[in-house]
N, C-alpha and C. Protein backbone atom coordinates (compact mmCIF):
# COMPACT_ATOMS: atom_id res chain seq x y z
N UNK A 1 41.39 -14.59 -13.73
CA UNK A 1 41.30 -14.14 -12.37
C UNK A 1 39.82 -13.95 -12.01
N UNK A 2 39.36 -14.53 -10.89
CA UNK A 2 37.95 -14.39 -10.51
C UNK A 2 37.60 -12.96 -10.14
N UNK A 3 36.36 -12.61 -10.44
CA UNK A 3 35.87 -11.26 -10.14
C UNK A 3 35.63 -11.11 -8.64
N UNK A 4 35.97 -9.95 -8.12
CA UNK A 4 35.69 -9.65 -6.71
C UNK A 4 34.59 -8.61 -6.60
N UNK A 5 33.90 -8.36 -7.70
CA UNK A 5 32.82 -7.37 -7.73
C UNK A 5 31.70 -7.82 -6.79
N UNK A 6 31.14 -6.90 -5.96
CA UNK A 6 30.12 -7.31 -4.99
C UNK A 6 28.78 -7.68 -5.60
N UNK A 7 28.54 -7.33 -6.86
CA UNK A 7 27.29 -7.69 -7.51
C UNK A 7 27.42 -9.05 -8.16
N UNK A 8 26.34 -9.80 -8.15
CA UNK A 8 26.37 -11.13 -8.74
C UNK A 8 25.47 -11.18 -9.96
N UNK A 9 26.00 -11.64 -11.06
CA UNK A 9 25.26 -11.70 -12.31
C UNK A 9 24.45 -12.99 -12.38
N UNK A 10 23.33 -12.96 -13.09
CA UNK A 10 22.60 -14.18 -13.41
C UNK A 10 21.83 -13.95 -14.69
N UNK A 11 21.27 -15.04 -15.20
CA UNK A 11 20.44 -14.94 -16.40
C UNK A 11 21.23 -14.49 -17.61
N UNK A 12 20.80 -13.41 -18.22
CA UNK A 12 21.39 -12.94 -19.46
C UNK A 12 22.66 -12.11 -19.26
N UNK A 13 23.13 -12.01 -18.03
CA UNK A 13 24.33 -11.24 -17.75
C UNK A 13 24.09 -9.75 -17.64
N UNK A 14 22.84 -9.32 -17.75
CA UNK A 14 22.52 -7.90 -17.64
C UNK A 14 21.79 -7.57 -16.35
N UNK A 15 21.57 -8.56 -15.50
CA UNK A 15 20.93 -8.32 -14.22
C UNK A 15 21.93 -8.69 -13.13
N UNK A 16 22.00 -7.87 -12.09
CA UNK A 16 22.93 -8.10 -11.00
C UNK A 16 22.20 -7.95 -9.69
N UNK A 17 22.36 -8.93 -8.82
CA UNK A 17 21.74 -8.88 -7.49
C UNK A 17 22.69 -8.19 -6.53
N UNK A 18 22.13 -7.32 -5.70
CA UNK A 18 22.91 -6.66 -4.68
C UNK A 18 22.89 -7.57 -3.45
N UNK A 19 24.04 -8.07 -3.00
CA UNK A 19 24.05 -8.99 -1.85
C UNK A 19 23.36 -8.39 -0.64
N UNK A 20 22.65 -9.26 0.11
CA UNK A 20 21.93 -8.87 1.32
C UNK A 20 20.88 -7.80 1.06
N UNK A 21 20.29 -7.82 -0.11
CA UNK A 21 19.30 -6.82 -0.46
C UNK A 21 18.14 -7.48 -1.18
N UNK A 22 17.02 -6.81 -1.18
CA UNK A 22 15.84 -7.28 -1.90
C UNK A 22 15.77 -6.65 -3.29
N UNK A 23 16.87 -6.07 -3.76
CA UNK A 23 16.86 -5.37 -5.02
C UNK A 23 17.88 -5.94 -6.00
N UNK A 24 17.72 -5.60 -7.25
CA UNK A 24 18.67 -5.98 -8.29
C UNK A 24 18.87 -4.78 -9.21
N UNK A 25 19.97 -4.78 -9.90
CA UNK A 25 20.25 -3.75 -10.90
C UNK A 25 20.08 -4.39 -12.26
N UNK A 26 19.35 -3.73 -13.13
CA UNK A 26 19.16 -4.22 -14.48
C UNK A 26 19.83 -3.26 -15.43
N UNK A 27 20.55 -3.80 -16.39
CA UNK A 27 21.21 -2.96 -17.38
C UNK A 27 20.84 -3.42 -18.78
N UNK A 28 20.93 -2.53 -19.70
CA UNK A 28 20.61 -2.86 -21.08
C UNK A 28 20.85 -1.66 -21.96
N UNK A 29 20.29 -1.70 -23.13
CA UNK A 29 20.46 -0.63 -24.09
C UNK A 29 19.91 0.70 -23.61
N UNK A 30 18.93 0.66 -22.69
CA UNK A 30 18.32 1.91 -22.22
C UNK A 30 18.92 2.38 -20.90
N UNK A 31 20.08 1.89 -20.53
CA UNK A 31 20.73 2.33 -19.29
C UNK A 31 20.55 1.33 -18.17
N UNK A 32 20.80 1.78 -16.96
CA UNK A 32 20.74 0.94 -15.78
C UNK A 32 19.64 1.43 -14.87
N UNK A 33 18.90 0.51 -14.26
CA UNK A 33 17.86 0.90 -13.32
C UNK A 33 17.82 -0.08 -12.16
N UNK A 34 17.31 0.37 -11.04
CA UNK A 34 17.15 -0.44 -9.85
C UNK A 34 15.74 -0.99 -9.86
N UNK A 35 15.60 -2.29 -9.70
CA UNK A 35 14.28 -2.91 -9.71
C UNK A 35 14.15 -3.83 -8.51
N UNK A 36 12.95 -3.97 -7.99
CA UNK A 36 12.71 -4.86 -6.85
C UNK A 36 12.69 -6.29 -7.34
N UNK A 37 13.15 -7.18 -6.50
CA UNK A 37 13.00 -8.59 -6.80
C UNK A 37 11.53 -8.94 -6.73
N UNK A 38 11.17 -10.06 -7.32
CA UNK A 38 9.77 -10.44 -7.33
C UNK A 38 9.41 -11.24 -6.08
N UNK A 39 10.13 -11.04 -5.01
CA UNK A 39 9.86 -11.73 -3.77
C UNK A 39 9.30 -10.75 -2.74
N UNK A 40 8.20 -11.12 -2.14
CA UNK A 40 7.59 -10.32 -1.09
C UNK A 40 8.23 -10.67 0.25
N UNK A 41 8.25 -9.71 1.16
CA UNK A 41 8.64 -9.98 2.54
C UNK A 41 7.37 -10.16 3.34
N UNK A 42 7.29 -11.24 4.11
CA UNK A 42 6.13 -11.51 4.93
C UNK A 42 6.61 -11.67 6.38
N UNK A 43 6.23 -10.72 7.23
CA UNK A 43 6.59 -10.77 8.64
C UNK A 43 5.50 -11.54 9.38
N UNK A 44 5.91 -12.56 10.13
CA UNK A 44 4.97 -13.43 10.83
C UNK A 44 5.42 -13.63 12.27
N UNK A 45 4.60 -14.34 13.03
CA UNK A 45 4.94 -14.71 14.40
C UNK A 45 4.34 -16.07 14.72
N UNK A 46 5.00 -16.80 15.62
CA UNK A 46 4.49 -18.10 16.05
C UNK A 46 3.11 -17.96 16.67
N UNK A 47 2.20 -18.87 16.33
CA UNK A 47 0.87 -18.87 16.93
C UNK A 47 -0.11 -17.91 16.31
N UNK A 48 0.26 -17.25 15.23
CA UNK A 48 -0.63 -16.29 14.57
C UNK A 48 -1.43 -17.01 13.48
N UNK A 49 -2.74 -17.20 13.69
CA UNK A 49 -3.53 -17.91 12.68
C UNK A 49 -3.63 -17.15 11.36
N UNK A 50 -3.59 -15.84 11.41
CA UNK A 50 -3.68 -15.03 10.19
C UNK A 50 -2.38 -15.15 9.39
N UNK A 51 -1.26 -15.22 10.08
CA UNK A 51 0.04 -15.42 9.42
C UNK A 51 0.06 -16.77 8.72
N UNK A 52 -0.37 -17.80 9.44
CA UNK A 52 -0.40 -19.15 8.88
C UNK A 52 -1.31 -19.19 7.65
N UNK A 53 -2.50 -18.57 7.76
CA UNK A 53 -3.44 -18.55 6.64
C UNK A 53 -2.86 -17.84 5.43
N UNK A 54 -2.18 -16.72 5.65
CA UNK A 54 -1.57 -15.97 4.55
C UNK A 54 -0.51 -16.80 3.85
N UNK A 55 0.39 -17.40 4.63
CA UNK A 55 1.47 -18.21 4.03
C UNK A 55 0.91 -19.41 3.29
N UNK A 56 -0.11 -20.05 3.84
CA UNK A 56 -0.75 -21.18 3.15
C UNK A 56 -1.39 -20.72 1.85
N UNK A 57 -2.03 -19.56 1.86
CA UNK A 57 -2.64 -19.01 0.65
C UNK A 57 -1.58 -18.71 -0.40
N UNK A 58 -0.48 -18.07 0.00
CA UNK A 58 0.61 -17.78 -0.94
C UNK A 58 1.19 -19.07 -1.51
N UNK A 59 1.40 -20.08 -0.65
CA UNK A 59 1.95 -21.36 -1.11
C UNK A 59 1.02 -22.01 -2.13
N UNK A 60 -0.26 -22.01 -1.83
CA UNK A 60 -1.26 -22.63 -2.71
C UNK A 60 -1.28 -21.94 -4.08
N UNK A 61 -1.10 -20.61 -4.08
CA UNK A 61 -1.15 -19.85 -5.33
C UNK A 61 0.21 -19.71 -6.01
N UNK A 62 1.26 -20.23 -5.39
CA UNK A 62 2.59 -20.18 -5.99
C UNK A 62 3.24 -18.80 -5.92
N UNK A 63 2.88 -18.00 -4.92
CA UNK A 63 3.46 -16.68 -4.75
C UNK A 63 4.82 -16.82 -4.08
N UNK A 64 5.83 -16.16 -4.66
CA UNK A 64 7.17 -16.19 -4.06
C UNK A 64 7.22 -15.18 -2.93
N UNK A 65 7.71 -15.61 -1.78
CA UNK A 65 7.84 -14.71 -0.64
C UNK A 65 8.95 -15.21 0.28
N UNK A 66 9.44 -14.30 1.09
CA UNK A 66 10.41 -14.64 2.13
C UNK A 66 9.73 -14.39 3.47
N UNK A 67 9.56 -15.45 4.25
CA UNK A 67 8.94 -15.31 5.56
C UNK A 67 10.00 -14.90 6.58
N UNK A 68 9.67 -13.88 7.35
CA UNK A 68 10.52 -13.43 8.45
C UNK A 68 9.71 -13.62 9.72
N UNK A 69 10.00 -14.68 10.46
CA UNK A 69 9.31 -14.99 11.70
C UNK A 69 9.99 -14.23 12.83
N UNK A 70 9.26 -13.30 13.43
CA UNK A 70 9.84 -12.42 14.44
C UNK A 70 10.18 -13.14 15.75
N UNK A 71 9.56 -14.30 16.00
CA UNK A 71 9.94 -15.09 17.17
C UNK A 71 11.33 -15.70 16.97
N UNK A 72 11.62 -16.09 15.74
CA UNK A 72 12.90 -16.74 15.43
C UNK A 72 13.97 -15.76 14.97
N UNK A 73 13.55 -14.58 14.49
CA UNK A 73 14.49 -13.56 14.01
C UNK A 73 14.15 -12.21 14.64
N UNK A 74 14.27 -12.08 15.96
CA UNK A 74 13.88 -10.82 16.62
C UNK A 74 14.70 -9.62 16.16
N UNK A 75 15.87 -9.85 15.59
CA UNK A 75 16.68 -8.74 15.08
C UNK A 75 16.01 -8.06 13.89
N UNK A 76 14.99 -8.67 13.32
CA UNK A 76 14.27 -8.10 12.18
C UNK A 76 13.19 -7.09 12.59
N UNK A 77 12.97 -6.91 13.91
CA UNK A 77 12.00 -5.91 14.37
C UNK A 77 12.33 -4.52 13.83
N UNK A 78 13.61 -4.16 13.83
CA UNK A 78 14.00 -2.83 13.32
C UNK A 78 13.60 -2.67 11.86
N UNK A 79 13.79 -3.71 11.08
CA UNK A 79 13.41 -3.67 9.67
C UNK A 79 11.90 -3.47 9.53
N UNK A 80 11.13 -4.19 10.34
CA UNK A 80 9.68 -4.04 10.31
C UNK A 80 9.27 -2.64 10.73
N UNK A 81 9.90 -2.10 11.76
CA UNK A 81 9.55 -0.75 12.24
C UNK A 81 9.83 0.32 11.19
N UNK A 82 10.79 0.06 10.31
CA UNK A 82 11.04 1.00 9.22
C UNK A 82 9.88 1.02 8.23
N UNK A 83 9.13 -0.08 8.17
CA UNK A 83 8.05 -0.22 7.20
C UNK A 83 6.68 0.16 7.76
N UNK A 84 6.47 -0.06 9.07
CA UNK A 84 5.14 0.14 9.64
C UNK A 84 5.24 0.45 11.13
N UNK A 85 4.36 1.30 11.60
CA UNK A 85 4.29 1.60 13.02
C UNK A 85 3.30 0.69 13.72
N UNK A 86 2.49 -0.03 12.98
CA UNK A 86 1.49 -0.94 13.55
C UNK A 86 2.17 -2.07 14.33
N UNK A 87 1.51 -2.53 15.37
CA UNK A 87 1.99 -3.67 16.15
C UNK A 87 1.07 -4.86 15.90
N UNK A 88 0.94 -5.19 14.63
CA UNK A 88 0.06 -6.29 14.20
C UNK A 88 0.76 -7.12 13.14
N UNK A 89 0.39 -8.38 13.08
CA UNK A 89 0.91 -9.30 12.06
C UNK A 89 -0.26 -10.03 11.42
N UNK A 90 -0.11 -10.51 10.21
CA UNK A 90 1.07 -10.47 9.35
C UNK A 90 1.23 -9.12 8.66
N UNK A 91 2.45 -8.85 8.25
CA UNK A 91 2.78 -7.67 7.46
C UNK A 91 3.43 -8.16 6.17
N UNK A 92 2.91 -7.66 5.05
CA UNK A 92 3.46 -8.01 3.74
C UNK A 92 4.03 -6.73 3.13
N UNK A 93 5.28 -6.80 2.68
CA UNK A 93 5.93 -5.63 2.08
C UNK A 93 6.52 -6.01 0.74
N UNK A 94 6.31 -5.14 -0.23
CA UNK A 94 7.01 -5.26 -1.50
C UNK A 94 7.80 -3.98 -1.70
N UNK A 95 8.22 -3.70 -2.91
CA UNK A 95 9.09 -2.55 -3.16
C UNK A 95 8.38 -1.21 -3.06
N UNK A 96 7.04 -1.20 -2.97
CA UNK A 96 6.37 0.10 -2.94
C UNK A 96 5.23 0.22 -1.93
N UNK A 97 4.81 -0.86 -1.30
CA UNK A 97 3.70 -0.74 -0.35
C UNK A 97 3.79 -1.82 0.74
N UNK A 98 3.03 -1.56 1.79
CA UNK A 98 2.96 -2.46 2.95
C UNK A 98 1.50 -2.72 3.23
N UNK A 99 1.15 -3.97 3.51
CA UNK A 99 -0.22 -4.29 3.93
C UNK A 99 -0.16 -5.09 5.22
N UNK A 100 -1.19 -4.92 6.03
CA UNK A 100 -1.24 -5.55 7.34
C UNK A 100 -2.49 -6.39 7.43
N UNK A 101 -2.34 -7.63 7.90
CA UNK A 101 -3.47 -8.52 8.09
C UNK A 101 -3.69 -9.44 6.90
N UNK A 102 -4.64 -10.34 7.09
CA UNK A 102 -5.03 -11.28 6.04
C UNK A 102 -6.53 -11.49 6.14
N UNK A 103 -7.21 -11.20 5.05
CA UNK A 103 -8.67 -11.34 4.97
C UNK A 103 -9.37 -10.67 6.14
N UNK A 104 -8.90 -9.47 6.46
CA UNK A 104 -9.54 -8.67 7.50
C UNK A 104 -9.11 -8.99 8.92
N UNK A 105 -8.25 -9.98 9.12
CA UNK A 105 -7.83 -10.33 10.46
C UNK A 105 -6.35 -10.11 10.68
N UNK A 106 -5.99 -9.84 11.93
CA UNK A 106 -4.58 -9.71 12.29
C UNK A 106 -4.44 -10.02 13.77
N UNK A 107 -3.22 -10.27 14.19
CA UNK A 107 -2.92 -10.54 15.60
C UNK A 107 -2.00 -9.45 16.11
N UNK A 108 -2.24 -8.99 17.34
CA UNK A 108 -1.37 -7.97 17.91
C UNK A 108 -0.08 -8.62 18.41
N UNK A 109 0.95 -7.80 18.54
CA UNK A 109 2.21 -8.29 19.09
C UNK A 109 1.96 -8.86 20.49
N UNK A 110 1.12 -8.18 21.28
CA UNK A 110 0.82 -8.64 22.65
C UNK A 110 0.15 -10.02 22.61
N UNK A 111 -0.78 -10.24 21.66
CA UNK A 111 -1.44 -11.55 21.53
C UNK A 111 -0.42 -12.66 21.31
N UNK A 112 0.67 -12.33 20.62
CA UNK A 112 1.68 -13.33 20.25
C UNK A 112 2.88 -13.35 21.18
N UNK A 113 2.82 -12.56 22.26
CA UNK A 113 3.92 -12.52 23.22
C UNK A 113 5.17 -11.85 22.69
N UNK A 114 5.00 -10.93 21.74
CA UNK A 114 6.15 -10.24 21.13
C UNK A 114 6.41 -8.87 21.75
N UNK A 115 5.60 -8.43 22.71
CA UNK A 115 5.82 -7.13 23.35
C UNK A 115 6.26 -7.34 24.77
């Protein structure tokens, strides 16, 4: 009988991804813990040169990330607002910190027609 458990196993069978989440549960001899996936969230907008530069830099260096383009996914604004009050892009978030801009530059929401 197939499992209906909401967690999905991969790899060695001791890691489980939580659907629709950026987290996974790891289990082993030392118990169970919640760990962040190794994928960064990158919030971008159309026409933002700093966003384009950041994504190109990550691609060139082989950094894993998930791009969230706010022009194409406006429903993600609430998620971004949970992470930062700034109205600037790009925004990079991992499991413990948020950074805004790329190499000292950023674009305002107004510059990108997002306000």
